[in-house]
PDB file of N, CA and C in Angstrom:
ATOM      1  N   MET A   1     -39.610  -9.816  16.658  1.00  0.00           N
ATOM      2  CA  MET A   1     -38.352 -10.519  16.745  1.00  0.00           C
ATOM      3  C   MET A   1     -37.649 -10.085  18.028  1.00  0.00           C
ATOM      4  N   ASN A   2     -37.318 -11.008  18.878  1.00  0.00           N
ATOM      5  CA  ASN A   2     -36.626 -10.723  20.136  1.00  0.00           C
ATOM      6  C   ASN A   2     -35.116 -10.664  19.910  1.00  0.00           C
ATOM      7  N   ARG A   3     -34.436  -9.952  20.778  1.00  0.00           N
ATOM      8  CA  ARG A   3     -32.984  -9.877  20.667  1.00  0.00           C
ATOM      9  C   ARG A   3     -32.316 -11.239  20.763  1.00  0.00           C
ATOM     10  N   PRO A   4     -32.743 -12.176  21.630  1.00  0.00           N
ATOM     11  CA  PRO A   4     -32.109 -13.502  21.646  1.00  0.00           C
ATOM     12  C   PRO A   4     -32.259 -14.232  20.311  1.00  0.00           C
ATOM     13  N   ASP A   5     -33.368 -14.007  19.570  1.00  0.00           N
ATOM     14  CA  ASP A   5     -33.533 -14.649  18.264  1.00  0.00           C
ATOM     15  C   ASP A   5     -32.489 -14.137  17.273  1.00  0.00           C
ATOM     16  N   ILE A   6     -32.150 -12.878  17.361  1.00  0.00           N
ATOM     17  CA  ILE A   6     -31.143 -12.314  16.464  1.00  0.00           C
ATOM     18  C   ILE A   6     -29.792 -12.972  16.709  1.00  0.00           C
ATOM     19  N   PHE A   7     -29.431 -13.149  17.972  1.00  0.00           N
ATOM     20  CA  PHE A   7     -28.140 -13.744  18.284  1.00  0.00           C
ATOM     21  C   PHE A   7     -28.085 -15.208  17.893  1.00  0.00           C
ATOM     22  N   ASP A   8     -29.223 -15.886  17.863  1.00  0.00           N
ATOM     23  CA  ASP A   8     -29.255 -17.280  17.420  1.00  0.00           C
ATOM     24  C   ASP A   8     -28.966 -17.383  15.926  1.00  0.00           C
ATOM     25  N   ARG A   9     -29.310 -16.346  15.151  1.00  0.00           N
ATOM     26  CA  ARG A   9     -29.103 -16.378  13.707  1.00  0.00           C
ATOM     27  C   ARG A   9     -27.693 -15.947  13.297  1.00  0.00           C
ATOM     28  N   LEU A  10     -26.890 -15.442  14.209  1.00  0.00           N
ATOM     29  CA  LEU A  10     -25.532 -15.018  13.888  1.00  0.00           C
ATOM     30  C   LEU A  10     -24.633 -16.224  13.645  1.00  0.00           C
ATOM     31  N   PRO A  11     -23.676 -16.117  12.741  1.00  0.00           N
ATOM     32  CA  PRO A  11     -22.721 -17.214  12.560  1.00  0.00           C
ATOM     33  C   PRO A  11     -21.893 -17.421  13.818  1.00  0.00           C
ATOM     34  N   ALA A  12     -21.453 -18.650  14.024  1.00  0.00           N
ATOM     35  CA  ALA A  12     -20.722 -18.990  15.248  1.00  0.00           C
ATOM     36  C   ALA A  12     -19.401 -18.236  15.348  1.00  0.00           C
ATOM     37  N   ASP A  13     -18.699 -18.000  14.211  1.00  0.00           N
ATOM     38  CA  ASP A  13     -17.415 -17.311  14.294  1.00  0.00           C
ATOM     39  C   ASP A  13     -17.581 -15.838  14.649  1.00  0.00           C
ATOM     40  N   LEU A  14     -18.690 -15.218  14.266  1.00  0.00           N
ATOM     41  CA  LEU A  14     -18.937 -13.823  14.623  1.00  0.00           C
ATOM     42  C   LEU A  14     -19.252 -13.693  16.113  1.00  0.00           C
ATOM     43  N   VAL A  15     -19.982 -14.660  16.655  1.00  0.00           N
ATOM     44  CA  VAL A  15     -20.311 -14.621  18.078  1.00  0.00           C
ATOM     45  C   VAL A  15     -19.042 -14.779  18.909  1.00  0.00           C
ATOM     46  N   GLY A  16     -18.098 -15.604  18.463  1.00  0.00           N
ATOM     47  CA  GLY A  16     -16.873 -15.844  19.220  1.00  0.00           C
ATOM     48  C   GLY A  16     -15.893 -14.688  19.176  1.00  0.00           C
ATOM     49  N   MET A  17     -16.003 -13.776  18.203  1.00  0.00           N
ATOM     50  CA  MET A  17     -14.999 -12.730  18.081  1.00  0.00           C
ATOM     51  C   MET A  17     -15.328 -11.472  18.867  1.00  0.00           C
ATOM     52  N   GLY A  18     -16.556 -11.281  19.245  1.00  0.00           N
ATOM     53  CA  GLY A  18     -16.912  -9.999  19.839  1.00  0.00           C
ATOM     54  C   GLY A  18     -17.569 -10.119  21.190  1.00  0.00           C
ATOM     55  N   VAL A  19     -17.562  -8.985  21.893  1.00  0.00           N
ATOM     56  CA  VAL A  19     -18.262  -8.841  23.155  1.00  0.00           C
ATOM     57  C   VAL A  19     -19.368  -7.830  22.908  1.00  0.00           C
ATOM     58  N   TYR A  20     -20.575  -8.155  23.305  1.00  0.00           N
ATOM     59  CA  TYR A  20     -21.735  -7.306  23.039  1.00  0.00           C
ATOM     60  C   TYR A  20     -22.033  -6.434  24.244  1.00  0.00           C
ATOM     61  N   GLY A  21     -22.311  -5.151  23.973  1.00  0.00           N
ATOM     62  CA  GLY A  21     -22.641  -4.221  25.036  1.00  0.00           C
ATOM     63  C   GLY A  21     -24.131  -4.236  25.329  1.00  0.00           C
ATOM     64  N   GLN A  22     -24.545  -3.410  26.254  1.00  0.00           N
ATOM     65  CA  GLN A  22     -25.960  -3.299  26.603  1.00  0.00           C
ATOM     66  C   GLN A  22     -26.733  -2.687  25.438  1.00  0.00           C
ATOM     67  N   PRO A  23     -27.875  -3.271  25.071  1.00  0.00           N
ATOM     68  CA  PRO A  23     -28.697  -2.675  24.010  1.00  0.00           C
ATOM     69  C   PRO A  23     -29.216  -1.301  24.431  1.00  0.00           C
ATOM     70  N   ILE A  24     -29.187  -0.365  23.481  1.00  0.00           N
ATOM     71  CA  ILE A  24     -29.658   0.991  23.732  1.00  0.00           C
ATOM     72  C   ILE A  24     -30.860   1.224  22.823  1.00  0.00           C
ATOM     73  N   GLU A  25     -32.000   1.619  23.427  1.00  0.00           N
ATOM     74  CA  GLU A  25     -33.227   1.848  22.654  1.00  0.00           C
ATOM     75  C   GLU A  25     -33.545   3.330  22.603  1.00  0.00           C
ATOM     76  N   VAL A  26     -33.730   3.853  21.367  1.00  0.00           N
ATOM     77  CA  VAL A  26     -34.091   5.249  21.163  1.00  0.00           C
ATOM     78  C   VAL A  26     -35.116   5.297  20.041  1.00  0.00           C
ATOM     79  N   ASP A  27     -36.314   5.831  20.330  1.00  0.00           N
ATOM     80  CA  ASP A  27     -37.386   6.006  19.336  1.00  0.00           C
ATOM     81  C   ASP A  27     -37.691   4.736  18.551  1.00  0.00           C
ATOM     82  N   GLY A  28     -37.744   3.607  19.186  1.00  0.00           N
ATOM     83  CA  GLY A  28     -38.098   2.351  18.530  1.00  0.00           C
ATOM     84  C   GLY A  28     -36.941   1.679  17.806  1.00  0.00           C
ATOM     85  N   THR A  29     -35.773   2.241  17.863  1.00  0.00           N
ATOM     86  CA  THR A  29     -34.579   1.656  17.238  1.00  0.00           C
ATOM     87  C   THR A  29     -33.654   1.171  18.345  1.00  0.00           C
ATOM     88  N   THR A  30     -33.173  -0.062  18.200  1.00  0.00           N
ATOM     89  CA  THR A  30     -32.268  -0.637  19.187  1.00  0.00           C
ATOM     90  C   THR A  30     -30.875  -0.730  18.579  1.00  0.00           C
ATOM     91  N   VAL A  31     -29.889  -0.266  19.331  1.00  0.00           N
ATOM     92  CA  VAL A  31     -28.490  -0.324  18.904  1.00  0.00           C
ATOM     93  C   VAL A  31     -27.740  -1.200  19.897  1.00  0.00           C
ATOM     94  N   ILE A  32     -27.011  -2.204  19.353  1.00  0.00           N
ATOM     95  CA  ILE A  32     -26.226  -3.112  20.197  1.00  0.00           C
ATOM     96  C   ILE A  32     -24.758  -2.954  19.798  1.00  0.00           C
ATOM     97  N   PRO A  33     -23.925  -2.379  20.663  1.00  0.00           N
ATOM     98  CA  PRO A  33     -22.504  -2.214  20.327  1.00  0.00           C
ATOM     99  C   PRO A  33     -21.742  -3.537  20.439  1.00  0.00           C
ATOM    100  N   VAL A  34     -20.735  -3.683  19.561  1.00  0.00           N
ATOM    101  CA  VAL A  34     -19.900  -4.888  19.556  1.00  0.00           C
ATOM    102  C   VAL A  34     -18.450  -4.443  19.632  1.00  0.00           C
ATOM    103  N   ALA A  35     -17.662  -5.108  20.502  1.00  0.00           N
ATOM    104  CA  ALA A  35     -16.240  -4.790  20.650  1.00  0.00           C
ATOM    105  C   ALA A  35     -15.429  -6.067  20.637  1.00  0.00           C
ATOM    106  N   ARG A  36     -14.155  -5.933  20.315  1.00  0.00           N
ATOM    107  CA  ARG A  36     -13.223  -7.062  20.330  1.00  0.00           C
ATOM    108  C   ARG A  36     -12.256  -6.835  21.483  1.00  0.00           C
ATOM    109  N   ILE A  37     -12.033  -7.878  22.275  1.00  0.00           N
ATOM    110  CA  ILE A  37     -11.128  -7.799  23.412  1.00  0.00           C
ATOM    111  C   ILE A  37      -9.792  -8.423  23.019  1.00  0.00           C
ATOM    112  N   ARG A  38      -8.711  -7.631  23.181  1.00  0.00           N
ATOM    113  CA  ARG A  38      -7.359  -8.143  22.931  1.00  0.00           C
ATOM    114  C   ARG A  38      -6.439  -7.615  24.016  1.00  0.00           C
ATOM    115  N   GLY A  39      -5.837  -8.497  24.720  1.00  0.00           N
ATOM    116  CA  GLY A  39      -4.862  -8.102  25.725  1.00  0.00           C
ATOM    117  C   GLY A  39      -5.380  -7.150  26.781  1.00  0.00           C
ATOM    118  N   GLY A  40      -6.616  -7.259  27.139  1.00  0.00           N
ATOM    119  CA  GLY A  40      -7.178  -6.417  28.185  1.00  0.00           C
ATOM    120  C   GLY A  40      -7.756  -5.098  27.699  1.00  0.00           C
ATOM    121  N   SER A  41      -7.674  -4.803  26.394  1.00  0.00           N
ATOM    122  CA  SER A  41      -8.270  -3.567  25.884  1.00  0.00           C
ATOM    123  C   SER A  41      -9.351  -3.912  24.865  1.00  0.00           C
ATOM    124  N   ALA A  42     -10.376  -3.086  24.835  1.00  0.00           N
ATOM    125  CA  ALA A  42     -11.499  -3.308  23.927  1.00  0.00           C
ATOM    126  C   ALA A  42     -11.385  -2.367  22.734  1.00  0.00           C
ATOM    127  N   THR A  43     -11.570  -2.920  21.536  1.00  0.00           N
ATOM    128  CA  THR A  43     -11.565  -2.139  20.306  1.00  0.00           C
ATOM    129  C   THR A  43     -12.952  -2.224  19.694  1.00  0.00           C
ATOM    130  N   PRO A  44     -13.596  -1.104  19.382  1.00  0.00           N
ATOM    131  CA  PRO A  44     -14.931  -1.175  18.791  1.00  0.00           C
ATOM    132  C   PRO A  44     -14.884  -1.817  17.415  1.00  0.00           C
ATOM    133  N   VAL A  45     -15.829  -2.717  17.170  1.00  0.00           N
ATOM    134  CA  VAL A  45     -15.933  -3.405  15.888  1.00  0.00           C
ATOM    135  C   VAL A  45     -17.080  -2.815  15.072  1.00  0.00           C
ATOM    136  N   GLY A  46     -18.178  -2.505  15.741  1.00  0.00           N
ATOM    137  CA  GLY A  46     -19.336  -1.937  15.057  1.00  0.00           C
ATOM    138  C   GLY A  46     -20.578  -2.044  15.920  1.00  0.00           C
ATOM    139  N   VAL A  47     -21.725  -1.845  15.283  1.00  0.00           N
ATOM    140  CA  VAL A  47     -23.000  -1.931  16.006  1.00  0.00           C
ATOM    141  C   VAL A  47     -24.028  -2.654  15.152  1.00  0.00           C
ATOM    142  N   PHE A  48     -24.927  -3.364  15.835  1.00  0.00           N
ATOM    143  CA  PHE A  48     -26.132  -3.895  15.210  1.00  0.00           C
ATOM    144  C   PHE A  48     -27.232  -2.859  15.416  1.00  0.00           C
ATOM    145  N   VAL A  49     -27.940  -2.525  14.343  1.00  0.00           N
ATOM    146  CA  VAL A  49     -29.050  -1.585  14.428  1.00  0.00           C
ATOM    147  C   VAL A  49     -30.316  -2.361  14.099  1.00  0.00           C
ATOM    148  N   ILE A  50     -31.284  -2.339  15.041  1.00  0.00           N
ATOM    149  CA  ILE A  50     -32.538  -3.067  14.863  1.00  0.00           C
ATOM    150  C   ILE A  50     -33.662  -2.041  14.764  1.00  0.00           C
ATOM    151  N   ARG A  51     -34.330  -1.998  13.587  1.00  0.00           N
ATOM    152  CA  ARG A  51     -35.483  -1.122  13.363  1.00  0.00           C
ATOM    153  C   ARG A  51     -36.639  -2.011  12.931  1.00  0.00           C
ATOM    154  N   GLY A  52     -37.600  -2.167  13.792  1.00  0.00           N
ATOM    155  CA  GLY A  52     -38.736  -3.042  13.473  1.00  0.00           C
ATOM    156  C   GLY A  52     -38.269  -4.471  13.289  1.00  0.00           C
ATOM    157  N   ASP A  53     -38.474  -5.029  12.075  1.00  0.00           N
ATOM    158  CA  ASP A  53     -38.015  -6.388  11.776  1.00  0.00           C
ATOM    159  C   ASP A  53     -36.688  -6.400  11.028  1.00  0.00           C
ATOM    160  N   ALA A  54     -36.171  -5.244  10.693  1.00  0.00           N
ATOM    161  CA  ALA A  54     -34.926  -5.166   9.922  1.00  0.00           C
ATOM    162  C   ALA A  54     -33.726  -5.032  10.851  1.00  0.00           C
ATOM    163  N   VAL A  55     -32.692  -5.824  10.566  1.00  0.00           N
ATOM    164  CA  VAL A  55     -31.457  -5.781  11.333  1.00  0.00           C
ATOM    165  C   VAL A  55     -30.326  -5.448  10.367  1.00  0.00           C
ATOM    166  N   SER A  56     -29.500  -4.466  10.741  1.00  0.00           N
ATOM    167  CA  SER A  56     -28.361  -4.121   9.895  1.00  0.00           C
ATOM    168  C   SER A  56     -27.101  -4.026  10.747  1.00  0.00           C
ATOM    169  N   TRP A  57     -25.956  -4.204  10.074  1.00  0.00           N
ATOM    170  CA  TRP A  57     -24.654  -4.140  10.731  1.00  0.00           C
ATOM    171  C   TRP A  57     -23.930  -2.898  10.208  1.00  0.00           C
ATOM    172  N   THR A  58     -23.391  -2.101  11.114  1.00  0.00           N
ATOM    173  CA  THR A  58     -22.595  -0.936  10.748  1.00  0.00           C
ATOM    174  C   THR A  58     -21.228  -1.095  11.384  1.00  0.00           C
ATOM    175  N   ALA A  59     -20.208  -1.208  10.531  1.00  0.00           N
ATOM    176  CA  ALA A  59     -18.847  -1.416  11.031  1.00  0.00           C
ATOM    177  C   ALA A  59     -18.249  -0.101  11.516  1.00  0.00           C
ATOM    178  N   ALA A  60     -17.434  -0.188  12.552  1.00  0.00           N
ATOM    179  CA  ALA A  60     -16.703   0.981  13.053  1.00  0.00           C
ATOM    180  C   ALA A  60     -15.428   1.120  12.233  1.00  0.00           C
ATOM    181  N   VAL A  61     -15.164   2.314  11.718  1.00  0.00           N
ATOM    182  CA  VAL A  61     -13.979   2.569  10.907  1.00  0.00           C
ATOM    183  C   VAL A  61     -12.956   3.295  11.772  1.00  0.00           C
ATOM    184  N   ASP A  62     -11.735   2.765  11.793  1.00  0.00           N
ATOM    185  CA  ASP A  62     -10.659   3.375  12.564  1.00  0.00           C
ATOM    186  C   ASP A  62      -9.883   4.323  11.647  1.00  0.00           C
ATOM    187  N   GLY A  63     -10.145   5.612  11.772  1.00  0.00           N
ATOM    188  CA  GLY A  63      -9.487   6.612  10.928  1.00  0.00           C
ATOM    189  C   GLY A  63      -7.994   6.680  11.145  1.00  0.00           C
ATOM    190  N   ASN A  64      -7.535   6.423  12.365  1.00  0.00           N
ATOM    191  CA  ASN A  64      -6.099   6.452  12.648  1.00  0.00           C
ATOM    192  C   ASN A  64      -5.366   5.351  11.882  1.00  0.00           C
ATOM    193  N   ARG A  65      -5.963   4.189  11.790  1.00  0.00           N
ATOM    194  CA  ARG A  65      -5.346   3.075  11.070  1.00  0.00           C
ATOM    195  C   ARG A  65      -5.264   3.390   9.579  1.00  0.00           C
ATOM    196  N   ILE A  66      -6.317   3.978   9.024  1.00  0.00           N
ATOM    197  CA  ILE A  66      -6.318   4.339   7.607  1.00  0.00           C
ATOM    198  C   ILE A  66      -5.255   5.405   7.341  1.00  0.00           C
ATOM    199  N   ALA A  67      -5.134   6.391   8.220  1.00  0.00           N
ATOM    200  CA  ALA A  67      -4.116   7.433   8.062  1.00  0.00           C
ATOM    201  C   ALA A  67      -2.712   6.848   8.172  1.00  0.00           C
ATOM    202  N   LEU A  68      -2.512   5.920   9.084  1.00  0.00           N
ATOM    203  CA  LEU A  68      -1.205   5.288   9.249  1.00  0.00           C
ATOM    204  C   LEU A  68      -0.814   4.515   7.996  1.00  0.00           C
ATOM    205  N   ILE A  69      -1.748   3.802   7.400  1.00  0.00           N
ATOM    206  CA  ILE A  69      -1.472   3.068   6.160  1.00  0.00           C
ATOM    207  C   ILE A  69      -1.082   4.044   5.051  1.00  0.00           C
ATOM    208  N   GLY A  70      -1.758   5.181   4.966  1.00  0.00           N
ATOM    209  CA  GLY A  70      -1.420   6.185   3.965  1.00  0.00           C
ATOM    210  C   GLY A  70      -0.030   6.759   4.163  1.00  0.00           C
ATOM    211  N   VAL A  71       0.338   7.043   5.400  1.00  0.00           N
ATOM    212  CA  VAL A  71       1.664   7.599   5.697  1.00  0.00           C
ATOM    213  C   VAL A  71       2.751   6.574   5.384  1.00  0.00           C
ATOM    214  N   ILE A  72       2.540   5.329   5.758  1.00  0.00           N
ATOM    215  CA  ILE A  72       3.533   4.284   5.492  1.00  0.00           C
ATOM    216  C   ILE A  72       3.695   4.072   3.992  1.00  0.00           C
ATOM    217  N   THR A  73       2.594   4.093   3.241  1.00  0.00           N
ATOM    218  CA  THR A  73       2.665   3.930   1.788  1.00  0.00           C
ATOM    219  C   THR A  73       3.447   5.078   1.160  1.00  0.00           C
ATOM    220  N   GLY A  74       3.189   6.312   1.590  1.00  0.00           N
ATOM    221  CA  GLY A  74       3.926   7.457   1.061  1.00  0.00           C
ATOM    222  C   GLY A  74       5.403   7.395   1.395  1.00  0.00           C
ATOM    223  N   LEU A  75       5.730   6.998   2.619  1.00  0.00           N
ATOM    224  CA  LEU A  75       7.127   6.887   3.027  1.00  0.00           C
ATOM    225  C   LEU A  75       7.847   5.808   2.225  1.00  0.00           C
ATOM    226  N   ALA A  76       7.198   4.672   2.032  1.00  0.00           N
ATOM    227  CA  ALA A  76       7.816   3.584   1.261  1.00  0.00           C
ATOM    228  C   ALA A  76       8.053   4.008  -0.182  1.00  0.00           C
ATOM    229  N   SER A  77       7.101   4.714  -0.786  1.00  0.00           N
ATOM    230  CA  SER A  77       7.298   5.149  -2.169  1.00  0.00           C
ATOM    231  C   SER A  77       8.409   6.189  -2.265  1.00  0.00           C
ATOM    232  N   ALA A  78       8.552   7.061  -1.275  1.00  0.00           N
ATOM    233  CA  ALA A  78       9.638   8.043  -1.275  1.00  0.00           C
ATOM    234  C   ALA A  78      10.996   7.356  -1.147  1.00  0.00           C
ATOM    235  N   VAL A  79      11.095   6.347  -0.313  1.00  0.00           N
ATOM    236  CA  VAL A  79      12.357   5.609  -0.150  1.00  0.00           C
ATOM    237  C   VAL A  79      12.707   4.883  -1.442  1.00  0.00           C
ATOM    238  N   ILE A  80      11.732   4.241  -2.064  1.00  0.00           N
ATOM    239  CA  ILE A  80      11.992   3.510  -3.314  1.00  0.00           C
ATOM    240  C   ILE A  80      12.416   4.476  -4.414  1.00  0.00           C
ATOM    241  N   ALA A  81      11.768   5.626  -4.516  1.00  0.00           N
ATOM    242  CA  ALA A  81      12.138   6.609  -5.540  1.00  0.00           C
ATOM    243  C   ALA A  81      13.544   7.147  -5.293  1.00  0.00           C
ATOM    244  N   THR A  82      13.895   7.406  -4.032  1.00  0.00           N
ATOM    245  CA  THR A  82      15.235   7.890  -3.706  1.00  0.00           C
ATOM    246  C   THR A  82      16.289   6.858  -4.057  1.00  0.00           C
ATOM    247  N   LEU A  83      16.036   5.598  -3.738  1.00  0.00           N
ATOM    248  CA  LEU A  83      16.991   4.542  -4.080  1.00  0.00           C
ATOM    249  C   LEU A  83      17.122   4.382  -5.586  1.00  0.00           C
ATOM    250  N   ALA A  84      16.046   4.556  -6.313  1.00  0.00           N
ATOM    251  CA  ALA A  84      16.107   4.443  -7.770  1.00  0.00           C
ATOM    252  C   ALA A  84      16.958   5.550  -8.365  1.00  0.00           C
ATOM    253  N   VAL A  85      16.915   6.743  -7.790  1.00  0.00           N
ATOM    254  CA  VAL A  85      17.724   7.851  -8.298  1.00  0.00           C
ATOM    255  C   VAL A  85      19.189   7.663  -7.907  1.00  0.00           C
ATOM    256  N   LEU A  86      19.439   7.236  -6.681  1.00  0.00           N
ATOM    257  CA  LEU A  86      20.818   7.090  -6.215  1.00  0.00           C
ATOM    258  C   LEU A  86      21.519   5.880  -6.807  1.00  0.00           C
ATOM    259  N   ARG A  87      20.808   4.817  -7.030  1.00  0.00           N
ATOM    260  CA  ARG A  87      21.408   3.585  -7.535  1.00  0.00           C
ATOM    261  C   ARG A  87      21.004   3.355  -8.984  1.00  0.00           C
ATOM    262  N   ARG A  88      21.338   4.302  -9.833  1.00  0.00           N
ATOM    263  CA  ARG A  88      20.972   4.159 -11.238  1.00  0.00           C
ATOM    264  C   ARG A  88      21.939   3.201 -11.920  1.00  0.00           C
ATOM    265  N   PRO A  89      21.532   2.618 -13.025  1.00  0.00           N
ATOM    266  CA  PRO A  89      22.395   1.634 -13.692  1.00  0.00           C
ATOM    267  C   PRO A  89      23.631   2.301 -14.297  1.00  0.00           C
ATOM    268  N   PRO A  90      24.727   1.554 -14.465  1.00  0.00           N
ATOM    269  CA  PRO A  90      25.976   2.154 -14.936  1.00  0.00           C
ATOM    270  C   PRO A  90      26.040   2.400 -16.437  1.00  0.00           C
ATOM    271  N   TRP A  91      25.189   1.775 -17.238  1.00  0.00           N
ATOM    272  CA  TRP A  91      25.361   1.898 -18.688  1.00  0.00           C
ATOM    273  C   TRP A  91      25.170   3.301 -19.264  1.00  0.00           C
ATOM    274  N   PRO A  92      24.389   4.211 -18.710  1.00  0.00           N
ATOM    275  CA  PRO A  92      24.398   5.551 -19.306  1.00  0.00           C
ATOM    276  C   PRO A  92      25.765   6.230 -19.193  1.00  0.00           C
ATOM    277  N   ASP A  93      26.496   6.021 -18.107  1.00  0.00           N
ATOM    278  CA  ASP A  93      27.819   6.609 -17.950  1.00  0.00           C
ATOM    279  C   ASP A  93      28.813   6.014 -18.931  1.00  0.00           C
ATOM    280  N   ILE A  94      28.720   4.720 -19.163  1.00  0.00           N
ATOM    281  CA  ILE A  94      29.640   4.061 -20.086  1.00  0.00           C
ATOM    282  C   ILE A  94      29.450   4.619 -21.490  1.00  0.00           C
ATOM    283  N   VAL A  95      28.231   4.783 -21.918  1.00  0.00           N
ATOM    284  CA  VAL A  95      27.962   5.292 -23.260  1.00  0.00           C
ATOM    285  C   VAL A  95      28.384   6.750 -23.367  1.00  0.00           C
ATOM    286  N   LEU A  96      28.148   7.556 -22.355  1.00  0.00           N
ATOM    287  CA  LEU A  96      28.489   8.971 -22.421  1.00  0.00           C
ATOM    288  C   LEU A  96      29.992   9.209 -22.381  1.00  0.00           C
ATOM    289  N   ARG A  97      30.738   8.387 -21.729  1.00  0.00           N
ATOM    290  CA  ARG A  97      32.186   8.568 -21.611  1.00  0.00           C
ATOM    291  C   ARG A  97      32.942   8.005 -22.810  1.00  0.00           C
ATOM    292  N   ASP A  98      32.259   7.250 -23.630  1.00  0.00           N
ATOM    293  CA  ASP A  98      32.900   6.635 -24.775  1.00  0.00           C
ATOM    294  C   ASP A  98      32.980   7.656 -25.909  1.00  0.00           C
ATOM    295  N   ASP A  99      34.117   8.332 -26.023  1.00  0.00           N
ATOM    296  CA  ASP A  99      34.258   9.383 -27.028  1.00  0.00           C
ATOM    297  C   ASP A  99      34.998   8.863 -28.254  1.00  0.00           C
ATOM    298  N   LEU A 100      35.237   9.745 -29.204  1.00  0.00           N
ATOM    299  CA  LEU A 100      35.854   9.353 -30.467  1.00  0.00           C
ATOM    300  C   LEU A 100      37.288   8.867 -30.306  1.00  0.00           C
ATOM    301  N   ALA A 101      38.033   9.444 -29.351  1.00  0.00           N
ATOM    302  CA  ALA A 101      39.416   9.013 -29.150  1.00  0.00           C
ATOM    303  C   ALA A 101      39.465   7.551 -28.720  1.00  0.00           C
ATOM    304  N   ASN A 102      38.576   7.145 -27.851  1.00  0.00           N
ATOM    305  CA  ASN A 102      38.544   5.743 -27.426  1.00  0.00           C
ATOM    306  C   ASN A 102      38.138   4.831 -28.571  1.00  0.00           C
ATOM    307  N   ILE A 103      37.238   5.290 -29.417  1.00  0.00           N
ATOM    308  CA  ILE A 103      36.823   4.472 -30.557  1.00  0.00           C
ATOM    309  C   ILE A 103      38.014   4.280 -31.496  1.00  0.00           C
ATOM    310  N   ARG A 104      38.776   5.359 -31.773  1.00  0.00           N
ATOM    311  CA  ARG A 104      39.964   5.258 -32.642  1.00  0.00           C
ATOM    312  C   ARG A 104      40.986   4.290 -32.061  1.00  0.00           C
ATOM    313  N   ARG A 105      41.244   4.398 -30.739  1.00  0.00           N
ATOM    314  CA  ARG A 105      42.231   3.494 -30.110  1.00  0.00           C
ATOM    315  C   ARG A 105      41.810   2.047 -30.255  1.00  0.00           C
ATOM    316  N   ARG A 106      40.544   1.765 -30.070  1.00  0.00           N
ATOM    317  CA  ARG A 106      40.074   0.389 -30.205  1.00  0.00           C
ATOM    318  C   ARG A 106      40.186  -0.107 -31.646  1.00  0.00           C
ATOM    319  N   LEU A 107      39.875   0.758 -32.586  1.00  0.00           N
ATOM    320  CA  LEU A 107      39.984   0.358 -33.987  1.00  0.00           C
ATOM    321  C   LEU A 107      41.428   0.056 -34.361  1.00  0.00           C
ATOM    322  N   ILE A 108      42.354   0.909 -33.919  1.00  0.00           N
ATOM    323  CA  ILE A 108      43.775   0.700 -34.220  1.00  0.00           C
ATOM    324  C   ILE A 108      44.267  -0.567 -33.538  1.00  0.00           C
ATOM    325  N   ARG A 109      43.859  -0.790 -32.306  1.00  0.00           N
ATOM    326  CA  ARG A 109      44.277  -1.964 -31.546  1.00  0.00           C
ATOM    327  C   ARG A 109      43.823  -3.255 -32.223  1.00  0.00           C
ATOM    328  N   HIS A 110      42.676  -3.245 -32.863  1.00  0.00           N
ATOM    329  CA  HIS A 110      42.139  -4.443 -33.505  1.00  0.00           C
ATOM    330  C   HIS A 110      42.567  -4.562 -34.968  1.00  0.00           C
ATOM    331  N   GLY A 111      43.464  -3.685 -35.420  1.00  0.00           N
ATOM    332  CA  GLY A 111      44.023  -3.831 -36.750  1.00  0.00           C
ATOM    333  C   GLY A 111      43.276  -3.112 -37.847  1.00  0.00           C
ATOM    334  N   HIS A 112      42.308  -2.291 -37.534  1.00  0.00           N
ATOM    335  CA  HIS A 112      41.625  -1.512 -38.554  1.00  0.00           C
ATOM    336  C   HIS A 112      42.425  -0.250 -38.819  1.00  0.00           C
ATOM    337  N   ARG A 113      42.453   0.165 -40.090  1.00  0.00           N
ATOM    338  CA  ARG A 113      43.190   1.392 -40.365  1.00  0.00           C
ATOM    339  C   ARG A 113      42.297   2.575 -40.040  1.00  0.00           C
ATOM    340  N   GLU A 114      42.901   3.651 -39.644  1.00  0.00           N
ATOM    341  CA  GLU A 114      42.170   4.847 -39.241  1.00  0.00           C
ATOM    342  C   GLU A 114      41.454   5.427 -40.449  1.00  0.00           C
ATOM    343  N   SER A 115      40.160   5.732 -40.288  1.00  0.00           N
ATOM    344  CA  SER A 115      39.373   6.188 -41.406  1.00  0.00           C
ATOM    345  C   SER A 115      39.244   7.698 -41.463  1.00  0.00           C
ATOM    346  N   GLY A 116      39.756   8.387 -40.520  1.00  0.00           N
ATOM    347  CA  GLY A 116      39.648   9.832 -40.521  1.00  0.00           C
ATOM    348  C   GLY A 116      38.350  10.333 -39.938  1.00  0.00           C
ATOM    349  N   VAL A 117      37.649   9.518 -39.200  1.00  0.00           N
ATOM    350  CA  VAL A 117      36.394   9.921 -38.597  1.00  0.00           C
ATOM    351  C   VAL A 117      36.684  10.954 -37.519  1.00  0.00           C
ATOM    352  N   GLY A 118      36.013  12.069 -37.608  1.00  0.00           N
ATOM    353  CA  GLY A 118      36.122  13.075 -36.577  1.00  0.00           C
ATOM    354  C   GLY A 118      37.268  14.043 -36.773  1.00  0.00           C
ATOM    355  N   ARG A 119      38.028  13.958 -37.855  1.00  0.00           N
ATOM    356  CA  ARG A 119      39.135  14.903 -38.091  1.00  0.00           C
ATOM    357  C   ARG A 119      38.677  15.978 -39.035  1.00  0.00           C
ATOM    358  N   ALA A 120      39.008  17.177 -38.690  1.00  0.00           N
ATOM    359  CA  ALA A 120      38.635  18.303 -39.554  1.00  0.00           C
ATOM    360  C   ALA A 120      39.500  18.296 -40.797  1.00  0.00           C
ATOM    361  N   GLY A 121      38.907  18.474 -41.942  1.00  0.00           N
ATOM    362  CA  GLY A 121      39.623  18.596 -43.192  1.00  0.00           C
ATOM    363  C   GLY A 121      40.085  17.287 -43.775  1.00  0.00           C
ATOM    364  N   SER A 122      39.818  16.170 -43.149  1.00  0.00           N
ATOM    365  CA  SER A 122      40.255  14.896 -43.723  1.00  0.00           C
ATOM    366  C   SER A 122      39.231  14.395 -44.715  1.00  0.00           C
ATOM    367  N   ALA A 123      39.681  13.817 -45.777  1.00  0.00           N
ATOM    368  CA  ALA A 123      38.765  13.301 -46.792  1.00  0.00           C
ATOM    369  C   ALA A 123      39.223  11.899 -47.157  1.00  0.00           C
ATOM    370  N   ARG A 124      38.356  11.110 -47.614  1.00  0.00           N
ATOM    371  CA  ARG A 124      38.678   9.746 -48.011  1.00  0.00           C
ATOM    372  C   ARG A 124      39.046   9.654 -49.426  1.00  0.00           C
TER     373      ARG A 124
END
């Protein structure tokens, strides 16, 4: 299998996205580097490895990009957790501040007679 035959079998969109480097042959294995050109700079995409009749694709992994995604995810979760603590809902405060004196005032205001709830020594 010749190298031009391999490029004929590639999909058209893959051929249009990359620039191919010079093939490098070592011990019967051929490696063809592929890069993407954007704004005058080349970013490695991966390599084609040709061993005998077998052709494989090995993608280049950008460790900096993966680390950046991890840092951004951690920062976003820290901001969301901080906002959740600072902007808690108001109903726990309303329930905690509602003591027996306020309950008695509301009952008296609405025409209920005082039942002696919460008074020491009072009996019905």
